[in-house]
Protein backbone atom coordinates (compact mmCIF):
# COMPACT_ATOMS: atom_id res chain seq x y z
CA MET A 1 -160.26 -181.53 103.88
CA VAL A 2 -158.23 -178.62 105.20
CA ALA A 3 -154.92 -177.79 103.59
CA SER A 4 -151.86 -177.80 105.79
CA LYS A 5 -149.69 -174.76 106.33
CA GLU A 6 -147.06 -176.21 104.04
CA THR A 7 -149.55 -176.89 101.24
CA VAL A 8 -150.99 -173.41 101.42
CA ARG A 9 -147.59 -171.78 101.57
CA ASP A 10 -146.46 -173.70 98.48
CA ALA A 11 -149.67 -172.81 96.59
CA HIS A 12 -149.54 -169.20 97.70
CA ALA A 13 -146.07 -168.42 96.43
CA PRO A 14 -146.46 -169.23 92.71
CA GLY A 15 -150.12 -168.43 92.25
CA ALA A 16 -151.41 -165.66 94.49
CA TRP A 17 -149.93 -162.52 92.97
CA PRO A 18 -150.19 -163.69 89.34
CA THR A 19 -153.88 -164.27 90.02
CA ALA A 20 -154.12 -160.82 91.59
CA ARG A 21 -152.56 -159.27 88.48
CA LEU A 22 -155.10 -160.94 86.22
CA LEU A 23 -157.90 -159.68 88.45
CA VAL A 24 -156.44 -156.17 88.33
CA LEU A 25 -156.82 -156.31 84.53
CA PHE A 26 -160.33 -157.69 85.03
CA MET A 27 -161.28 -154.67 87.13
CA ALA A 28 -159.54 -152.32 84.69
CA VAL A 29 -161.70 -153.53 81.81
CA ASN A 30 -164.73 -153.48 84.10
CA PHE A 31 -164.33 -149.80 84.89
CA ALA A 32 -163.37 -148.88 81.34
CA ASP A 33 -166.77 -150.30 80.43
CA LYS A 34 -168.38 -148.03 83.01
CA ALA A 35 -166.42 -144.96 81.94
CA VAL A 36 -167.12 -145.15 78.21
CA LEU A 37 -170.64 -143.70 78.45
CA GLY A 38 -169.53 -140.65 80.41
CA LEU A 39 -166.56 -140.00 78.14
CA ALA A 40 -168.75 -140.19 75.05
CA GLY A 41 -171.60 -138.34 76.76
CA PRO A 42 -171.43 -134.96 74.98
CA GLU A 43 -171.22 -136.62 71.54
CA ILE A 44 -174.03 -139.07 72.37
CA MET A 45 -176.32 -136.33 73.67
CA ASN A 46 -175.60 -134.19 70.62
CA GLU A 47 -176.10 -136.95 68.01
CA LEU A 48 -179.16 -138.54 69.62
CA GLY A 49 -180.68 -135.26 70.81
CA LEU A 50 -180.86 -136.22 74.49
CA THR A 51 -181.41 -134.02 77.52
CA ARG A 52 -179.24 -134.53 80.58
CA ARG A 53 -182.20 -136.18 82.31
CA GLN A 54 -182.51 -138.72 79.48
CA PHE A 55 -178.77 -139.29 79.46
CA GLY A 56 -178.80 -139.75 83.24
CA SER A 57 -181.57 -142.34 82.82
CA ALA A 58 -179.41 -144.22 80.31
CA GLN A 59 -176.53 -144.25 82.78
CA ALA A 60 -178.84 -145.31 85.61
CA ALA A 61 -180.06 -148.20 83.44
CA PHE A 62 -176.64 -149.74 84.00
CA PHE A 63 -177.63 -150.26 87.63
CA ALA A 64 -181.17 -151.57 86.98
CA LEU A 65 -180.13 -155.21 87.52
CA PHE A 66 -176.71 -154.47 89.01
CA SER A 67 -177.75 -155.07 92.63
CA LEU A 68 -179.93 -158.12 91.99
CA SER A 69 -177.24 -159.69 89.86
CA ALA A 70 -174.53 -158.96 92.44
CA ILE A 71 -176.56 -160.71 95.11
CA GLY A 72 -177.80 -163.61 92.99
CA VAL A 73 -174.50 -164.52 91.35
CA SER A 74 -172.57 -164.16 94.60
CA LEU A 75 -174.87 -166.74 96.18
CA LEU A 76 -173.77 -169.14 93.44
CA THR A 77 -170.18 -169.11 94.70
CA ARG A 78 -171.14 -172.04 96.96
CA ARG A 79 -172.00 -174.15 93.89
CA ILE A 80 -170.02 -172.79 90.93
CA ARG A 81 -166.31 -172.08 90.78
CA SER A 82 -165.49 -168.40 90.86
CA THR A 83 -163.16 -168.90 87.88
CA VAL A 84 -166.19 -169.93 85.80
CA LEU A 85 -168.35 -167.08 87.10
CA LEU A 86 -165.69 -164.48 86.31
CA LEU A 87 -165.23 -165.85 82.77
CA ALA A 88 -168.98 -165.79 82.14
CA MET A 89 -169.23 -162.19 83.36
CA ALA A 90 -166.39 -161.00 81.11
CA LEU A 91 -167.94 -162.64 78.05
CA ALA A 92 -171.38 -161.22 78.82
CA TRP A 93 -170.30 -157.63 79.40
CA SER A 94 -168.10 -157.67 76.31
CA ALA A 95 -171.03 -158.86 74.19
CA ALA A 96 -173.21 -156.10 75.68
CA GLN A 97 -170.95 -153.38 74.28
CA LEU A 98 -170.89 -154.49 70.65
CA PRO A 99 -174.49 -153.63 69.55
CA MET A 100 -173.66 -149.92 69.88
CA LEU A 101 -171.46 -150.29 66.79
CA TRP A 102 -174.61 -150.47 64.68
CA PRO A 103 -175.11 -147.11 62.96
CA THR A 104 -178.86 -147.13 63.71
CA ALA A 105 -178.56 -148.02 67.40
CA GLY A 106 -180.22 -145.24 69.40
CA LEU A 107 -181.45 -144.53 72.92
CA GLY A 108 -183.47 -147.75 73.18
CA VAL A 109 -180.50 -149.95 72.27
CA LEU A 110 -178.25 -147.89 74.54
CA ILE A 111 -180.55 -148.43 77.52
CA ALA A 112 -181.00 -152.14 76.78
CA THR A 113 -177.27 -152.76 76.48
CA ARG A 114 -176.55 -150.79 79.66
CA VAL A 115 -179.05 -152.96 81.55
CA LEU A 116 -177.33 -156.10 80.25
CA LEU A 117 -173.91 -154.64 81.00
CA GLY A 118 -174.92 -153.82 84.57
CA ALA A 119 -176.29 -157.33 85.10
CA ALA A 120 -173.00 -158.80 83.88
CA GLU A 121 -170.82 -156.42 85.89
CA GLY A 122 -172.80 -156.29 89.14
CA PRO A 123 -171.13 -159.36 90.67
CA ALA A 124 -167.67 -158.48 89.31
CA ALA A 125 -166.17 -156.85 92.40
CA PRO A 126 -167.53 -159.24 95.07
CA VAL A 127 -166.78 -162.40 93.07
CA ALA A 128 -163.29 -161.13 92.18
CA ALA A 129 -162.64 -160.36 95.85
CA HIS A 130 -164.01 -163.77 96.88
CA HIS A 131 -161.70 -165.46 94.37
CA LEU A 132 -158.74 -163.38 95.54
CA TYR A 133 -159.41 -164.28 99.19
CA GLY A 134 -159.01 -167.91 98.21
CA TRP A 135 -155.31 -167.07 97.85
CA PHE A 136 -154.72 -164.74 100.83
CA ALA A 137 -155.50 -165.29 104.51
CA GLN A 138 -157.34 -162.62 106.49
CA ARG A 139 -154.20 -160.99 107.85
CA ASP A 140 -152.76 -160.43 104.37
CA ARG A 141 -155.85 -159.25 102.48
CA THR A 142 -155.71 -155.46 102.74
CA LEU A 143 -152.90 -154.92 100.23
CA PRO A 144 -154.23 -157.34 97.56
CA THR A 145 -157.71 -155.85 98.00
CA ALA A 146 -156.27 -152.38 97.46
CA VAL A 147 -154.38 -153.64 94.41
CA LEU A 148 -157.59 -155.17 93.06
CA LEU A 149 -159.39 -151.86 93.40
CA ILE A 150 -156.45 -150.08 91.78
CA GLY A 151 -157.53 -151.94 88.66
CA ALA A 152 -160.75 -149.93 88.74
CA ALA A 153 -158.85 -146.64 88.88
CA ALA A 154 -156.38 -147.84 86.25
CA GLY A 155 -159.25 -148.75 83.95
CA VAL A 156 -160.59 -145.21 84.05
CA ALA A 157 -157.10 -143.67 83.86
CA LEU A 158 -156.20 -145.66 80.76
CA ALA A 159 -159.65 -145.43 79.20
CA ALA A 160 -160.01 -141.67 79.52
CA PRO A 161 -157.24 -140.59 77.10
CA ALA A 162 -157.42 -143.73 74.95
CA LEU A 163 -161.19 -143.64 74.41
CA THR A 164 -161.12 -139.86 73.96
CA TRP A 165 -158.70 -140.45 71.08
CA VAL A 166 -160.89 -143.25 69.68
CA ILE A 167 -163.96 -141.00 69.85
CA GLY A 168 -162.13 -138.20 68.06
CA ALA A 169 -160.66 -140.48 65.39
CA TRP A 170 -163.44 -142.99 64.72
CA GLY A 171 -166.54 -141.70 66.51
CA TRP A 172 -168.20 -142.50 69.82
CA ARG A 173 -169.61 -145.86 68.69
CA TRP A 174 -166.14 -147.34 68.32
CA ALA A 175 -165.42 -146.47 71.96
CA PHE A 176 -167.98 -149.14 72.90
CA GLY A 177 -166.46 -151.57 70.41
CA THR A 178 -162.98 -151.01 71.81
CA VAL A 179 -163.87 -151.93 75.39
CA GLY A 180 -165.88 -154.90 74.12
CA VAL A 181 -162.84 -156.32 72.33
CA ALA A 182 -160.67 -155.68 75.40
CA GLY A 183 -163.06 -157.73 77.51
CA LEU A 184 -162.97 -160.63 75.07
CA ALA A 185 -159.16 -160.58 75.11
CA TRP A 186 -159.09 -160.77 78.91
CA ALA A 187 -161.58 -163.64 78.87
CA ALA A 188 -159.34 -165.63 76.54
CA VAL A 189 -156.33 -165.26 78.86
CA TRP A 190 -158.40 -166.08 81.96
CA ALA A 191 -159.82 -169.24 80.38
CA LEU A 192 -156.29 -170.52 79.78
CA ARG A 193 -154.61 -169.58 83.06
CA ALA A 194 -157.12 -169.28 85.93
CA HIS A 195 -157.63 -171.74 88.76
CA GLU A 196 -158.96 -171.70 92.31
CA GLY A 197 -156.81 -170.76 95.31
CA PRO A 198 -155.89 -173.13 98.16
CA LEU A 199 -158.08 -171.24 100.65
CA ALA A 200 -161.22 -171.35 98.50
CA PRO A 201 -164.17 -173.07 100.22
CA LEU A 202 -165.07 -176.52 98.89
CA LEU A 203 -167.75 -176.39 96.18
CA GLY A 204 -171.06 -177.98 97.07
CA ALA A 205 -170.00 -178.65 100.66
CA PRO A 206 -172.94 -178.32 103.02
CA ALA A 207 -172.82 -175.62 105.65
CA PRO A 208 -171.23 -176.89 108.86
CA PRO A 209 -173.92 -178.24 111.22
CA ARG A 210 -174.95 -176.26 114.29
CA ALA A 211 -173.32 -177.31 117.55
CA GLY A 212 -175.66 -178.88 120.07
CA ARG A 213 -178.18 -179.92 117.40
CA ASP A 214 -176.20 -182.21 115.09
CA VAL A 215 -174.01 -185.02 116.32
CA ASP A 216 -171.72 -187.47 114.66
CA ALA A 217 -172.03 -191.25 114.76
CA ALA A 218 -170.38 -191.33 118.18
CA GLY A 219 -172.86 -188.86 119.62
CA THR A 220 -170.37 -185.99 119.79
CA ALA A 221 -171.59 -182.48 118.97
CA THR A 222 -170.26 -181.24 115.66
CA ALA A 223 -168.63 -177.90 114.90
CA ASP A 224 -170.51 -174.59 115.02
CA PRO A 225 -171.12 -173.19 111.52
CA GLY A 226 -170.93 -169.62 112.74
CA PRO A 227 -173.65 -166.98 112.84
CA PRO A 228 -176.56 -166.99 110.38
CA LEU A 229 -176.44 -164.70 107.37
CA GLY A 230 -178.99 -162.28 108.85
CA ARG A 231 -176.93 -161.63 111.98
CA ILE A 232 -173.79 -160.97 109.93
CA LEU A 233 -175.58 -158.47 107.70
CA ALA A 234 -177.19 -156.73 110.70
CA SER A 235 -173.88 -156.21 112.54
CA PRO A 236 -172.96 -152.54 113.05
CA SER A 237 -169.70 -152.88 111.12
CA VAL A 238 -171.35 -154.37 108.03
CA LEU A 239 -174.12 -151.76 108.10
CA ALA A 240 -171.61 -148.91 108.45
CA ALA A 241 -169.38 -150.35 105.73
CA GLY A 242 -172.39 -150.80 103.46
CA PHE A 243 -173.55 -147.20 103.87
CA ALA A 244 -170.02 -145.89 103.35
CA CYS A 245 -169.75 -147.92 100.15
CA PHE A 246 -173.17 -146.57 99.12
CA ALA A 247 -171.79 -143.03 99.40
CA VAL A 248 -168.63 -143.94 97.48
CA TYR A 249 -170.66 -145.67 94.74
CA TRP A 250 -172.75 -142.49 94.52
CA GLN A 251 -169.58 -140.44 94.10
CA ILE A 252 -168.00 -142.83 91.57
CA SER A 253 -171.14 -142.97 89.45
CA ALA A 254 -171.49 -139.18 89.58
CA GLN A 255 -167.88 -138.70 88.49
CA LEU A 256 -168.07 -141.20 85.64
CA THR A 257 -171.33 -139.73 84.38
CA TRP A 258 -171.08 -135.99 84.93
CA VAL A 259 -167.45 -134.88 85.37
CA PRO A 260 -166.69 -135.05 81.61
CA ASP A 261 -169.82 -133.04 80.80
CA TYR A 262 -169.10 -130.56 83.60
CA LEU A 263 -165.54 -129.89 82.45
CA HIS A 264 -166.48 -129.75 78.77
CA THR A 265 -169.83 -127.92 78.94
CA ALA A 266 -169.76 -125.82 82.09
CA LEU A 267 -166.06 -124.93 82.09
CA GLY A 268 -165.39 -125.03 78.35
CA TRP A 269 -162.48 -127.49 78.49
CA SER A 270 -161.53 -129.27 75.27
CA ALA A 271 -162.26 -132.98 74.86
CA GLY A 272 -158.54 -133.79 75.15
CA ALA A 273 -158.08 -131.77 78.34
CA THR A 274 -161.22 -133.35 79.82
CA GLY A 275 -159.90 -136.86 79.12
CA LEU A 276 -156.55 -136.07 80.71
CA ALA A 277 -158.22 -134.57 83.80
CA VAL A 278 -160.38 -137.67 84.27
CA ALA A 279 -157.29 -139.86 83.86
CA ALA A 280 -155.35 -137.79 86.42
CA GLY A 281 -158.16 -138.14 88.95
CA SER A 282 -158.21 -141.91 88.47
CA LEU A 283 -154.43 -142.16 88.86
CA ALA A 284 -154.75 -140.24 92.12
CA ASN A 285 -157.33 -142.81 93.28
CA ALA A 286 -154.90 -145.60 92.40
CA ALA A 287 -152.05 -143.92 94.30
CA VAL A 288 -154.22 -143.43 97.39
CA LEU A 289 -155.43 -147.05 97.30
CA LEU A 290 -151.89 -148.41 96.97
CA THR A 291 -150.58 -146.15 99.75
CA HIS A 292 -153.42 -147.20 102.03
CA GLY A 293 -152.75 -150.87 101.34
CA LEU A 294 -149.03 -150.58 102.03
CA LEU A 295 -149.57 -148.59 105.23
CA ALA A 296 -152.23 -151.03 106.43
CA ARG A 297 -149.89 -153.98 105.81
CA ARG A 298 -147.17 -152.19 107.73
CA ALA A 299 -149.54 -151.48 110.61
CA THR A 300 -150.65 -155.13 110.65
CA ALA A 301 -147.03 -156.32 110.72
CA ARG A 302 -146.49 -154.15 113.79
CA GLY A 303 -149.42 -155.68 115.62
CA GLY A 304 -152.35 -153.55 114.46
CA ARG A 305 -155.66 -155.07 113.45
CA PRO A 306 -155.89 -156.16 109.79
CA GLY A 307 -157.54 -153.62 107.51
CA ALA A 308 -157.11 -150.67 109.86
CA LEU A 309 -157.16 -147.21 108.34
CA PRO A 310 -153.57 -146.04 108.85
CA ALA A 311 -154.01 -142.38 107.94
CA GLY A 312 -156.89 -141.16 110.08
CA SER A 313 -160.44 -142.19 110.81
CA GLY A 314 -163.08 -143.02 108.25
CA ALA A 315 -164.76 -139.72 109.01
CA GLY A 316 -161.54 -137.79 108.37
CA LEU A 317 -160.95 -139.39 104.97
CA LEU A 318 -164.50 -139.11 103.71
CA MET A 319 -164.98 -135.61 105.09
CA LEU A 320 -161.81 -134.43 103.37
CA GLY A 321 -163.17 -135.95 100.19
CA ALA A 322 -166.46 -134.16 100.77
CA ALA A 323 -164.72 -130.82 101.26
CA ALA A 324 -162.72 -131.38 98.07
CA ALA A 325 -165.93 -132.13 96.14
CA VAL A 326 -167.32 -128.79 97.25
CA ALA A 327 -164.11 -127.02 96.23
CA VAL A 328 -164.09 -128.65 92.78
CA PHE A 329 -167.59 -127.71 91.79
CA VAL A 330 -168.39 -124.54 93.73
CA THR A 331 -165.35 -122.28 93.97
CA GLY A 332 -161.80 -121.84 92.73
CA PRO A 333 -159.97 -121.44 89.42
CA PRO A 334 -159.51 -124.43 87.08
CA TRP A 335 -156.10 -125.37 88.46
CA LEU A 336 -157.57 -125.63 91.97
CA LYS A 337 -160.43 -127.78 90.74
CA LEU A 338 -157.97 -130.18 89.13
CA LEU A 339 -155.82 -130.20 92.27
CA MET A 340 -158.82 -131.15 94.41
CA MET A 341 -159.77 -133.94 91.98
CA CYS A 342 -156.27 -135.38 92.15
CA GLY A 343 -155.78 -134.80 95.89
CA PRO A 344 -158.24 -134.85 98.80
CA MET A 345 -161.14 -136.01 96.64
CA ALA A 346 -159.34 -139.31 96.07
CA LEU A 347 -159.29 -140.03 99.81
CA CYS A 348 -162.74 -141.59 99.58
CA ALA A 349 -161.34 -144.52 97.58
CA PRO A 350 -159.83 -146.54 100.50
CA MET A 351 -163.28 -146.92 102.04
CA MET A 352 -164.03 -149.51 99.35
CA THR A 353 -161.01 -151.53 100.52
CA VAL A 354 -162.08 -151.18 104.14
CA GLY A 355 -165.63 -152.22 103.29
CA GLN A 356 -164.48 -155.39 101.51
CA THR A 357 -162.03 -156.48 104.21
CA THR A 358 -164.52 -155.64 106.97
CA CYS A 359 -167.18 -157.90 105.49
CA ALA A 360 -164.65 -160.65 104.79
CA ARG A 361 -163.48 -160.52 108.44
CA ILE A 362 -166.97 -160.89 109.89
CA ALA A 363 -168.20 -163.58 107.46
CA PRO A 364 -167.07 -167.23 107.74
CA ALA A 365 -165.50 -168.56 104.54
CA HIS A 366 -168.61 -170.48 103.49
CA ARG A 367 -170.72 -167.29 103.72
CA ARG A 368 -168.10 -164.83 102.46
CA GLY A 369 -169.18 -164.75 98.81
CA ALA A 370 -172.82 -164.19 99.75
CA VAL A 371 -172.04 -161.43 102.24
CA LEU A 372 -169.75 -159.59 99.84
CA GLY A 373 -172.32 -159.85 97.06
CA ILE A 374 -175.25 -158.66 99.18
CA VAL A 375 -173.34 -155.69 100.59
CA VAL A 376 -172.06 -154.65 97.16
CA GLY A 377 -175.49 -155.21 95.64
CA LEU A 378 -177.28 -153.01 98.15
CA SER A 379 -174.61 -150.32 98.39
CA SER A 380 -174.43 -150.04 94.60
CA VAL A 381 -177.95 -148.59 94.68
CA GLY A 382 -176.03 -145.35 95.16
CA GLY A 383 -174.85 -145.77 91.59
CA VAL A 384 -178.46 -146.12 90.43
CA LEU A 385 -179.69 -143.00 92.18
CA SER A 386 -176.75 -140.69 91.57
CA PRO A 387 -176.97 -140.14 87.78
CA VAL A 388 -180.75 -139.62 87.82
CA VAL A 389 -180.89 -137.39 90.90
CA LEU A 390 -177.93 -135.25 89.91
CA GLY A 391 -179.07 -135.03 86.31
CA ARG A 392 -182.38 -133.59 87.48
CA VAL A 393 -180.61 -131.19 89.81
CA VAL A 394 -178.46 -129.89 86.96
CA ASP A 395 -181.36 -129.64 84.50
CA GLY A 396 -183.44 -127.81 87.10
CA ALA A 397 -180.84 -125.09 87.64
CA PRO A 398 -180.77 -121.82 85.66
CA GLU A 399 -177.36 -122.77 84.23
CA ALA A 400 -175.21 -125.91 84.18
CA ALA A 401 -172.45 -124.55 86.45
CA THR A 402 -174.97 -123.65 89.19
CA GLY A 403 -176.65 -127.05 88.88
CA TYR A 404 -173.37 -128.90 89.23
CA GLY A 405 -172.52 -126.88 92.32
CA ARG A 406 -175.80 -127.89 93.97
CA ALA A 407 -175.38 -131.51 92.92
CA TRP A 408 -171.95 -131.79 94.49
CA LEU A 409 -173.01 -130.09 97.68
CA LEU A 410 -175.52 -132.94 98.02
CA THR A 411 -172.78 -135.48 97.31
CA ALA A 412 -170.48 -133.85 99.85
CA ALA A 413 -173.14 -134.05 102.55
CA LEU A 414 -173.65 -137.76 101.85
CA LEU A 415 -169.92 -138.47 102.05
CA ALA A 416 -169.61 -136.58 105.33
CA LEU A 417 -172.51 -138.52 106.89
CA ALA A 418 -171.02 -141.82 105.75
CA GLY A 419 -167.67 -140.89 107.26
CA ALA A 420 -169.23 -140.08 110.62
CA LEU A 421 -171.12 -143.40 110.73
CA ALA A 422 -167.98 -145.31 109.74
CA THR A 423 -166.03 -143.75 112.60
CA LEU A 424 -168.73 -144.57 115.12
CA PHE A 425 -169.59 -148.13 114.10
CA LEU A 426 -166.83 -149.69 111.96
CA ARG A 427 -165.35 -152.21 114.42
CA PRO A 428 -164.85 -155.51 112.52
CA GLU A 429 -162.74 -157.27 115.13
CA ARG A 430 -165.20 -156.46 117.90
CA ASP A 431 -168.18 -157.61 115.86
CA ALA A 432 -166.38 -160.75 114.68
CA GLN A 433 -165.63 -161.69 118.28
CA ARG A 434 -169.21 -160.95 119.32
CA LEU A 435 -170.50 -163.20 116.54
CA GLY A 436 -167.94 -165.91 117.27
CA VAL A 437 -166.22 -165.78 113.88
CA PRO A 438 -162.55 -166.85 114.15
CA GLY A 439 -159.86 -165.27 112.04
CA GLU A 440 -158.01 -167.01 109.21
CA GLU A 441 -154.50 -166.18 110.34
CA THR A 442 -153.51 -169.88 110.14
CA PRO A 443 -154.93 -171.61 107.06
C-alpha cells in the first residue's frame, strides 16, 4: 500500500524533524565513542606502556568488524524495523565502553572492547540515514543528511573539551564510562519516542517481480523491480562516491587517532589546548556541512539536481582539504595550523553527505538500506588502514614531527585522488536514468 500525498504530508510535518534531531544526538554519541580513545591516547600509552604502533593497532581494532557489521545489519533493514536496529546498536556500543572502568583492564580488554564497539557502530550511519529517508523524499534529503552528519562533528566538538576535563579530573578510564552512560541515556529516549516514517519500505515485503517474467492472475506483466544490487554497486557514481568516502574515512580516523597526540607530543600543546583545538576543528566540520546542506537545498529549489555540490566540484573541495592537511602538518606556525584545521581542511566533510545522497538516488527504496550499508562498510576500510599505516609511518621517522608530516602528505595525496575521481564520475542522475531508477519526488 502506497501512502497518498496527503498522508505523507501530514506524517512529515510533525515527525520528520523531531526524528532528525534524535538521530543527530545518536550520531553525536556515536562519534564521541570514536573520539574517546584518541583524546585519552597519551595517558593510555603512558599508563599501559604502549608504542604508537600498538596504540594504532588498538584503534584499528575498532574497524575489525565495522565493515562486515555495516553490511550485514544493513541487509536486515528489509526484515527488521530500523527503530529496533538503532536501539540495539546504541545499547551494544554503550555496553562495550563500560569494561574499561575496571582498574585492571589493559591492552587486551581495550582491543576486545574496541572490536565490539566497532561491530555495534558499523551500521550506525547507513541505518540512521535509511531511517531518516523514510521521512524525507529524494528531493529534500540533502539538508537532513547534512544535519545528521553534523551530529558526528558535534559529538567530537562536545566530547573533546568535556572528556579532556573528565580525564584530568577522574582519569582516562572514566572517559569511557561517560560516553557509555550517554549512549544508554539516548537509548532510553529512543525506545520511548521512535517510530518509522511514512516513506519507509514495508517490512518483509518481497522484492517487486521482474517485468516480462512474472504476471498477475490476468496475465498482465507486473512492475519492474529495478536493477539488481550488483549493477547498482558497479555504477560509476557509486564507485566514485565509495572511494571518496574511503578517503574521508581515512582522514577522519587519522584525525581522531593522531591529532591529539601530534598537538600534545610533537608541538608541546597542553591537554586543555589540544581538546579545544580538536573541538574547534569539529565545529568547523559542522558549519561546513550545514552550509553545504542549505546551499544544496537552495540550488534544488531553483531547479538544480538534488544533492549537487553548490560550492565547487568534488575535486576542488577535496583538493583544498588535501592542501590544508599538508599545511597543518608540514609547515607554518601554530596559529596557521589551527586555521587550516578549522578552515579548508573541513571542506572534505560534505563528501560524506554527497556519498549518502548519491547512493540513495541510485538505489530503489527496497534496496536502499543494503546499498548504503555495503558502501559504508567497504569505504570504512579506510578507517581500518589509517591508524595502523600512519602509526608505522610516525614510528619509523627519526622524530614524531617528521613522521606526522610524512603521514599527512600520504593522506593529502589520497584526498586529492578521490576528489579527481569524484569530479570525473559522480553523476547520480545520469546513472539513475541509465539504470531505470525513478526519483521519489512524489511519495
